[in-house]
């Protein structure tokens, strides 16, 4: 039986991507990615968004409803 309080692999991957994103923002002295000139091309942000999506659907294929 899975304990809902335990982090799963998807949550752990997301936590790592959040850490990377925050480090980048701090390095650039930003509070958000939005003002960054690499907003649309940023690989760190792209991986973060993918990790968010995957953590929400736990890797299942198919669409995602907001």
N, C-alpha and C. Protein backbone atom coordinates (compact mmCIF):
# COMPACT_ATOMS: atom_id res chain seq x y z
N UNK A 1 0.85 -1.18 0.00
CA UNK A 1 0.00 0.00 0.00
C UNK A 1 0.89 1.25 0.00
N UNK A 2 0.53 2.23 -0.78
CA UNK A 2 1.31 3.46 -0.93
C UNK A 2 0.88 4.49 0.11
N UNK A 3 1.85 5.02 0.82
CA UNK A 3 1.58 6.07 1.80
C UNK A 3 1.47 7.41 1.07
N UNK A 4 0.32 8.08 1.12
CA UNK A 4 0.15 9.34 0.38
C UNK A 4 1.06 10.47 0.88
N UNK A 5 1.62 10.32 2.07
CA UNK A 5 2.51 11.35 2.59
C UNK A 5 3.94 11.19 2.08
N UNK A 6 4.26 10.01 1.53
CA UNK A 6 5.59 9.78 0.98
C UNK A 6 5.68 10.43 -0.40
N UNK A 7 6.85 11.01 -0.69
CA UNK A 7 7.06 11.58 -2.02
C UNK A 7 7.23 10.44 -3.02
N UNK A 8 6.60 10.56 -4.17
CA UNK A 8 6.81 9.59 -5.22
C UNK A 8 7.91 10.10 -6.15
N UNK A 9 8.30 9.29 -7.10
CA UNK A 9 9.37 9.67 -8.03
C UNK A 9 9.05 10.96 -8.77
N UNK A 10 7.78 11.14 -9.14
CA UNK A 10 7.38 12.33 -9.89
C UNK A 10 7.56 13.59 -9.05
N UNK A 11 7.20 13.50 -7.77
CA UNK A 11 7.35 14.64 -6.87
C UNK A 11 8.83 14.96 -6.63
N UNK A 12 9.64 13.92 -6.53
CA UNK A 12 11.08 14.12 -6.32
C UNK A 12 11.72 14.80 -7.53
N UNK A 13 11.33 14.37 -8.72
CA UNK A 13 11.84 15.00 -9.94
C UNK A 13 11.41 16.46 -10.02
N UNK A 14 10.16 16.73 -9.65
CA UNK A 14 9.66 18.10 -9.65
C UNK A 14 10.43 18.95 -8.64
N UNK A 15 10.67 18.42 -7.46
CA UNK A 15 11.41 19.16 -6.44
C UNK A 15 12.80 19.53 -6.94
N UNK A 16 13.45 18.62 -7.66
CA UNK A 16 14.78 18.90 -8.20
C UNK A 16 14.71 20.00 -9.26
N UNK A 17 13.71 19.97 -10.12
CA UNK A 17 13.57 20.99 -11.16
C UNK A 17 13.24 22.36 -10.55
N UNK A 18 12.45 22.37 -9.48
CA UNK A 18 12.15 23.62 -8.79
C UNK A 18 13.45 24.20 -8.22
N UNK A 19 14.25 23.33 -7.64
CA UNK A 19 15.53 23.76 -7.07
C UNK A 19 16.43 24.38 -8.15
N UNK A 20 16.51 23.74 -9.31
CA UNK A 20 17.31 24.25 -10.43
C UNK A 20 16.77 25.60 -10.91
N UNK A 21 15.46 25.70 -11.04
CA UNK A 21 14.83 26.93 -11.51
C UNK A 21 15.08 28.08 -10.53
N UNK A 22 14.89 27.82 -9.24
CA UNK A 22 15.11 28.85 -8.23
C UNK A 22 16.57 29.30 -8.22
N UNK A 23 17.51 28.36 -8.39
CA UNK A 23 18.94 28.71 -8.43
C UNK A 23 19.23 29.64 -9.60
N UNK A 24 18.64 29.36 -10.74
CA UNK A 24 18.82 30.21 -11.92
C UNK A 24 18.25 31.60 -11.68
N UNK A 25 17.06 31.66 -11.11
CA UNK A 25 16.44 32.95 -10.81
C UNK A 25 17.30 33.75 -9.83
N UNK A 26 17.81 33.09 -8.81
CA UNK A 26 18.65 33.78 -7.83
C UNK A 26 19.94 34.29 -8.48
N UNK A 27 20.51 33.47 -9.35
CA UNK A 27 21.74 33.85 -10.05
C UNK A 27 21.53 35.12 -10.88
N UNK A 28 20.33 35.24 -11.44
CA UNK A 28 20.01 36.39 -12.29
C UNK A 28 19.31 37.50 -11.52
N UNK A 29 19.18 37.29 -10.19
CA UNK A 29 18.53 38.27 -9.31
C UNK A 29 17.09 38.56 -9.76
N UNK A 30 16.35 37.49 -10.05
CA UNK A 30 14.96 37.60 -10.48
C UNK A 30 14.05 36.86 -9.49
N UNK A 31 12.81 37.29 -9.39
CA UNK A 31 11.81 36.61 -8.56
C UNK A 31 10.95 35.66 -9.38
N UNK A 32 11.09 35.74 -10.69
CA UNK A 32 10.27 34.97 -11.61
C UNK A 32 11.02 34.80 -12.93
N UNK A 33 10.60 33.87 -13.74
CA UNK A 33 11.21 33.69 -15.06
C UNK A 33 10.71 34.73 -16.06
N UNK A 34 9.56 35.28 -15.79
CA UNK A 34 8.91 36.16 -16.76
C UNK A 34 9.78 37.29 -17.29
N UNK A 35 10.51 38.02 -16.43
CA UNK A 35 11.32 39.13 -16.97
C UNK A 35 12.62 38.69 -17.66
N UNK A 36 12.94 37.43 -17.61
CA UNK A 36 14.19 36.95 -18.20
C UNK A 36 14.13 37.00 -19.72
N UNK A 37 15.23 37.41 -20.34
CA UNK A 37 15.26 37.51 -21.80
C UNK A 37 15.28 36.14 -22.48
N UNK A 38 15.50 35.07 -21.73
CA UNK A 38 15.49 33.72 -22.30
C UNK A 38 14.21 32.95 -21.95
N UNK A 39 13.19 33.67 -21.56
CA UNK A 39 11.93 33.07 -21.09
C UNK A 39 11.41 31.97 -22.02
N UNK A 40 11.36 32.21 -23.31
CA UNK A 40 10.79 31.24 -24.25
C UNK A 40 11.77 30.17 -24.71
N UNK A 41 13.07 30.43 -24.58
CA UNK A 41 14.07 29.47 -25.04
C UNK A 41 14.73 28.69 -23.91
N UNK A 42 14.40 28.99 -22.67
CA UNK A 42 15.11 28.45 -21.51
C UNK A 42 14.86 26.95 -21.33
N UNK A 43 15.95 26.19 -21.34
CA UNK A 43 15.85 24.74 -21.16
C UNK A 43 15.49 24.39 -19.71
N UNK A 44 16.01 25.15 -18.75
CA UNK A 44 15.68 24.89 -17.33
C UNK A 44 14.18 25.06 -17.11
N UNK A 45 13.62 26.14 -17.63
CA UNK A 45 12.18 26.39 -17.49
C UNK A 45 11.36 25.32 -18.21
N UNK A 46 11.81 24.94 -19.39
CA UNK A 46 11.11 23.91 -20.18
C UNK A 46 11.06 22.59 -19.41
N UNK A 47 12.20 22.21 -18.78
CA UNK A 47 12.24 20.97 -18.00
C UNK A 47 11.37 21.08 -16.76
N UNK A 48 11.32 22.27 -16.16
CA UNK A 48 10.46 22.49 -14.99
C UNK A 48 8.99 22.30 -15.38
N UNK A 49 8.57 22.93 -16.46
CA UNK A 49 7.18 22.81 -16.91
C UNK A 49 6.83 21.35 -17.19
N UNK A 50 7.74 20.64 -17.83
CA UNK A 50 7.52 19.21 -18.13
C UNK A 50 7.39 18.42 -16.82
N UNK A 51 8.23 18.72 -15.84
CA UNK A 51 8.17 18.01 -14.55
C UNK A 51 6.86 18.29 -13.83
N UNK A 52 6.35 19.53 -13.93
CA UNK A 52 5.07 19.87 -13.32
C UNK A 52 3.97 19.03 -13.97
N UNK A 53 3.95 19.00 -15.29
CA UNK A 53 2.95 18.23 -16.01
C UNK A 53 3.02 16.74 -15.62
N UNK A 54 4.23 16.19 -15.62
CA UNK A 54 4.40 14.77 -15.30
C UNK A 54 4.02 14.46 -13.86
N UNK A 55 4.29 15.37 -12.93
CA UNK A 55 3.92 15.13 -11.53
C UNK A 55 2.41 15.15 -11.35
N UNK A 56 1.73 15.92 -12.19
CA UNK A 56 0.27 16.01 -12.08
C UNK A 56 -0.42 14.79 -12.68
N UNK A 57 0.17 14.23 -13.73
CA UNK A 57 -0.49 13.07 -14.35
C UNK A 57 0.26 11.77 -14.09
N UNK A 58 1.32 11.85 -13.26
CA UNK A 58 2.10 10.68 -12.86
C UNK A 58 2.60 9.87 -14.05
N UNK A 59 2.91 10.56 -15.15
CA UNK A 59 3.48 9.91 -16.30
C UNK A 59 2.49 9.27 -17.24
N UNK A 60 1.21 9.38 -16.95
CA UNK A 60 0.20 8.80 -17.83
C UNK A 60 0.18 9.55 -19.14
N UNK A 61 -0.08 8.83 -20.20
CA UNK A 61 -0.17 9.49 -21.50
C UNK A 61 -1.57 10.07 -21.67
N UNK A 62 -1.71 10.90 -22.66
CA UNK A 62 -3.01 11.49 -22.92
C UNK A 62 -3.05 12.94 -22.53
N UNK A 63 -4.18 13.55 -22.68
CA UNK A 63 -4.36 14.96 -22.42
C UNK A 63 -4.42 15.26 -20.94
N UNK A 64 -4.34 16.53 -20.65
CA UNK A 64 -4.44 16.97 -19.27
C UNK A 64 -5.47 18.08 -19.19
N UNK A 65 -6.42 17.93 -18.28
CA UNK A 65 -7.49 18.91 -18.13
C UNK A 65 -7.16 19.87 -17.00
N UNK A 66 -7.25 21.17 -17.25
CA UNK A 66 -7.04 22.16 -16.19
C UNK A 66 -8.37 22.54 -15.60
